[in-house]
Protein backbone atom coordinates (compact mmCIF):
# COMPACT_ATOMS: atom_id res chain seq x y z
CA MET A 1 0.23 -0.22 -0.29
CA PRO A 2 1.77 3.42 -1.25
CA MET A 3 1.65 6.02 1.93
CA LEU A 4 2.36 9.69 1.49
CA SER A 5 5.85 10.93 3.23
CA LYS A 6 5.46 13.18 6.49
CA ASP A 7 5.74 15.94 5.36
CA ASP A 8 2.77 15.67 2.70
CA GLU A 9 0.13 13.57 5.32
CA LEU A 10 1.21 16.87 7.78
CA ALA A 11 -0.16 19.20 5.27
CA GLY A 12 -2.63 17.18 4.32
CA TYR A 13 -4.14 16.35 7.95
CA ALA A 14 -6.67 19.08 8.91
CA PRO A 15 -8.73 18.45 12.22
CA ASP A 16 -10.01 22.08 11.33
CA SER A 17 -11.26 21.59 8.48
CA TRP A 18 -14.66 20.98 6.63
CA ALA A 19 -12.77 18.39 4.63
CA PHE A 20 -11.50 16.13 7.18
CA TRP A 21 -14.64 15.37 8.53
CA ARG A 22 -16.50 15.38 5.71
CA ASN A 23 -14.64 12.68 4.08
CA LEU A 24 -14.67 11.26 8.09
CA ALA A 25 -17.88 10.37 7.53
CA VAL A 26 -17.60 8.85 4.16
CA TYR A 27 -15.05 7.10 5.72
CA PHE A 28 -17.50 6.03 8.93
CA CYS A 29 -20.10 5.26 6.50
CA ALA A 30 -17.92 3.20 4.34
CA PHE A 31 -16.43 1.20 6.92
CA SER A 32 -19.41 0.05 9.04
CA VAL A 33 -20.30 -1.84 6.26
CA ILE A 34 -16.72 -2.89 4.72
CA GLY A 35 -15.96 -3.93 7.88
CA HIS A 36 -18.74 -6.57 8.38
CA TRP A 37 -17.48 -7.94 5.69
CA LEU A 38 -13.99 -8.00 6.72
CA GLU A 39 -15.44 -9.94 9.73
CA ILE A 40 -17.21 -12.39 7.75
CA ALA A 41 -13.83 -13.66 5.74
CA TYR A 42 -11.97 -13.81 9.30
CA CYS A 43 -14.41 -15.66 10.47
CA THR A 44 -14.98 -17.83 8.55
CA PHE A 45 -11.06 -18.43 8.96
CA MET A 46 -11.46 -18.61 12.47
CA ASN A 47 -14.21 -21.21 12.11
CA LEU A 48 -11.68 -23.69 10.76
CA PHE A 49 -11.01 -24.19 14.66
CA GLY A 50 -14.65 -24.01 15.62
CA ILE A 51 -14.84 -21.40 17.86
CA VAL A 52 -17.48 -18.96 15.90
CA ASP A 53 -20.79 -19.02 17.27
CA ALA A 54 -23.37 -20.84 14.07
CA ASP A 55 -26.06 -17.69 15.24
CA SER A 56 -23.04 -14.77 15.66
CA LEU A 57 -24.66 -11.77 13.83
CA VAL A 58 -22.02 -11.75 11.71
CA TRP A 59 -23.27 -14.14 9.37
CA ASP A 60 -26.63 -12.37 8.91
CA ASP A 61 -27.34 -9.84 5.56
CA PRO A 62 -23.51 -8.75 4.90
CA MET A 63 -25.14 -5.49 4.18
CA TYR A 64 -26.11 -5.25 8.28
CA PRO A 65 -23.45 -1.75 8.90
CA PHE A 66 -21.40 -2.82 11.83
CA LEU A 67 -21.16 0.57 13.69
CA VAL A 68 -18.02 -0.67 15.64
CA TYR A 69 -16.02 -0.40 12.81
CA GLY A 70 -17.36 2.78 11.66
CA ILE A 71 -16.24 4.49 15.66
CA GLY A 72 -13.06 2.25 15.01
CA THR A 73 -12.25 3.90 11.64
CA ALA A 74 -13.29 7.62 13.51
CA VAL A 75 -10.60 6.43 16.24
CA CYS A 76 -7.99 5.67 13.85
CA THR A 77 -8.34 8.99 12.25
CA ILE A 78 -8.69 11.29 15.12
CA ALA A 79 -6.20 9.98 17.42
CA LEU A 80 -3.51 7.15 15.71
CA VAL A 81 -3.13 9.30 12.64
CA PRO A 82 -1.82 12.19 15.17
CA LEU A 83 -0.12 9.57 17.08
CA LYS A 84 1.41 8.25 13.88
CA LEU A 85 3.03 11.04 12.62
CA LYS A 86 4.75 11.98 16.05
CA LEU A 87 6.08 8.46 16.22
CA ILE A 88 7.65 9.15 12.98
CA GLU A 89 9.21 12.45 14.31
CA ARG A 90 10.89 11.24 17.53
CA ARG A 91 11.86 7.70 16.20
CA LYS A 92 15.20 7.54 14.85
CA THR A 93 13.51 4.75 12.01
CA MET A 94 10.61 3.91 10.19
CA ALA A 95 10.47 0.23 11.90
CA ALA A 96 10.86 1.83 15.18
CA ALA A 97 7.92 4.11 15.07
CA SER A 98 5.69 1.23 13.38
CA ALA A 99 6.77 -1.16 15.79
CA GLN A 100 5.46 1.16 18.73
CA PHE A 101 2.76 2.35 16.86
CA PHE A 102 1.49 -1.72 16.46
CA ILE A 103 1.79 -2.11 20.20
CA VAL A 104 -0.33 0.81 21.01
CA THR A 105 -3.13 -0.03 18.33
CA VAL A 106 -3.39 -3.68 19.84
CA ILE A 107 -3.53 -2.08 23.41
CA VAL A 108 -6.15 0.60 22.26
CA CYS A 109 -8.22 -2.19 20.57
CA MET A 110 -8.43 -4.42 23.17
CA LEU A 111 -9.41 -1.76 25.61
CA MET A 112 -12.39 -0.79 22.92
CA GLU A 113 -13.11 -4.76 22.96
CA LEU A 114 -13.28 -4.58 26.62
CA ALA A 115 -15.33 -1.53 27.03
CA MET A 116 -17.87 -3.03 24.06
CA GLY A 117 -17.86 -6.63 26.78
CA PHE A 118 -19.03 -4.59 29.75
CA MET A 119 -21.11 -2.67 27.97
CA LEU A 120 -23.04 -5.02 25.68
CA ASN A 121 -22.16 -8.79 26.08
CA GLN A 122 -22.36 -9.17 30.02
CA PRO A 123 -24.10 -12.82 30.59
CA ASN A 124 -27.21 -13.84 31.82
CA ALA A 125 -28.03 -15.59 35.11
CA ALA A 126 -27.24 -19.21 33.20
CA GLY A 127 -23.46 -17.91 32.08
CA VAL A 128 -24.59 -17.25 28.35
CA TYR A 129 -23.00 -14.28 26.79
CA PRO A 130 -25.45 -12.36 24.15
CA LEU A 131 -23.02 -11.38 21.73
CA TRP A 132 -19.55 -13.31 21.60
CA ASP A 133 -18.08 -15.72 24.20
CA ASN A 134 -14.61 -15.40 24.67
CA SER A 135 -13.93 -16.71 28.34
CA GLN A 136 -13.22 -20.24 27.67
CA LEU A 137 -10.28 -19.61 25.12
CA PRO A 138 -6.59 -19.23 26.33
CA LEU A 139 -5.70 -15.62 25.83
CA ASN A 140 -8.46 -13.96 26.69
CA ILE A 141 -8.88 -11.01 28.50
CA LEU A 142 -11.30 -10.52 31.28
CA SER A 143 -13.43 -13.23 29.26
CA GLN A 144 -14.55 -10.55 27.31
CA ALA A 145 -11.60 -9.63 24.84
CA TRP A 146 -8.92 -12.07 22.81
CA LEU A 147 -5.32 -11.17 22.41
CA VAL A 148 -5.46 -12.87 18.85
CA ASN A 149 -8.45 -10.77 18.18
CA ASP A 150 -7.02 -7.82 19.61
CA ILE A 151 -3.47 -8.49 17.00
CA ALA A 152 -6.09 -9.12 13.95
CA LEU A 153 -7.75 -5.70 14.98
CA GLY A 154 -4.01 -3.64 14.98
CA ALA A 155 -2.72 -4.87 11.95
CA LEU A 156 -5.80 -3.95 10.58
CA ALA A 157 -6.13 -0.48 12.52
CA MET A 158 -2.49 0.49 11.18
CA LEU A 159 -2.98 -1.14 7.39
CA TYR A 160 -5.76 1.98 7.83
CA THR A 161 -3.42 4.52 9.08
CA TRP A 162 -0.69 3.88 6.99
CA GLY A 163 -1.86 3.28 4.14
CA ILE A 164 -5.54 2.90 3.36
CA TYR A 165 -6.44 6.58 4.98
CA PRO A 166 -3.66 8.48 3.66
CA LEU A 167 -4.39 6.90 0.29
CA CYS A 168 -7.78 7.96 0.08
CA GLU A 169 -7.23 11.09 1.39
CA LYS A 170 -5.05 11.89 -1.77
CA LEU A 171 -7.44 10.27 -4.41
CA LEU A 172 -10.71 12.40 -2.41
CA ALA A 173 -8.38 15.42 -2.67
CA LYS A 174 -8.60 15.28 -6.40
CA LEU A 175 -12.61 15.59 -6.86
CA PRO A 176 -13.73 19.58 -7.09
CA PRO A 177 -14.73 20.50 -3.58
CA ILE A 178 -18.50 19.84 -5.04
CA ALA A 179 -18.19 17.44 -6.58
CA MET A 180 -16.81 15.72 -2.86
CA ASN A 181 -19.78 17.24 -1.14
CA VAL A 182 -22.15 16.40 -3.13
CA MET A 183 -20.07 12.47 -3.38
CA ALA A 184 -20.24 12.59 1.21
CA ALA A 185 -23.98 13.81 1.04
CA ILE A 186 -25.42 10.84 -1.51
CA VAL A 187 -23.28 8.13 0.80
CA VAL A 188 -24.27 9.39 4.24
CA SER A 189 -27.86 10.04 3.22
CA SER A 190 -27.48 6.31 1.61
CA PHE A 191 -25.98 5.03 4.73
CA ILE A 192 -29.11 6.66 7.02
CA VAL A 193 -31.30 4.69 5.01
CA LEU A 194 -29.67 1.32 5.13
CA CYS A 195 -29.51 1.71 9.53
CA ILE A 196 -33.26 2.49 9.30
CA VAL A 197 -34.34 -0.04 7.08
CA LYS A 198 -31.42 -3.09 8.65
CA PHE A 199 -31.90 -1.32 12.27
CA GLY A 200 -35.98 -0.52 11.70
């Protein structure tokens, strides 16, 4: 995945601009759906080991938005891109910066998985978890997060932050502002309709 230079990224990363938030809204919508597709592929592989519940929501309608991936995209864009730029400035080599960044992303993914689990995935009186059950897996964290998942999610966050995000920003910057505004409005409006249909 091609990456922009640090100077190019610093020039393009402008959280105080309309374009930044407009583009982030597009990414949120797109990756809420694309994230579900990626999870289908990941769970298909993991199911070779028999650890994915047959009733999991992941197997349902692939157009069902998984908002957690949209939120993850926002976290990467708002918090991890600036972290990446700081690490590149402070570390002597790109390898050192990327290694430290990956460790941080795994920790962030673990904390997000734990937070979601404690809020949404508490077991009932019979001890059954409503969304996922990592309690019996080795390397589980407080019966909610699973280090294997967190490493995979950390790798995905790194791919997005170091490759996909700067590439998308570079491509979208080539569109006239009016065309980009219209496209963003279509994407966000379509996503709202999709959420009403799927969540209703």
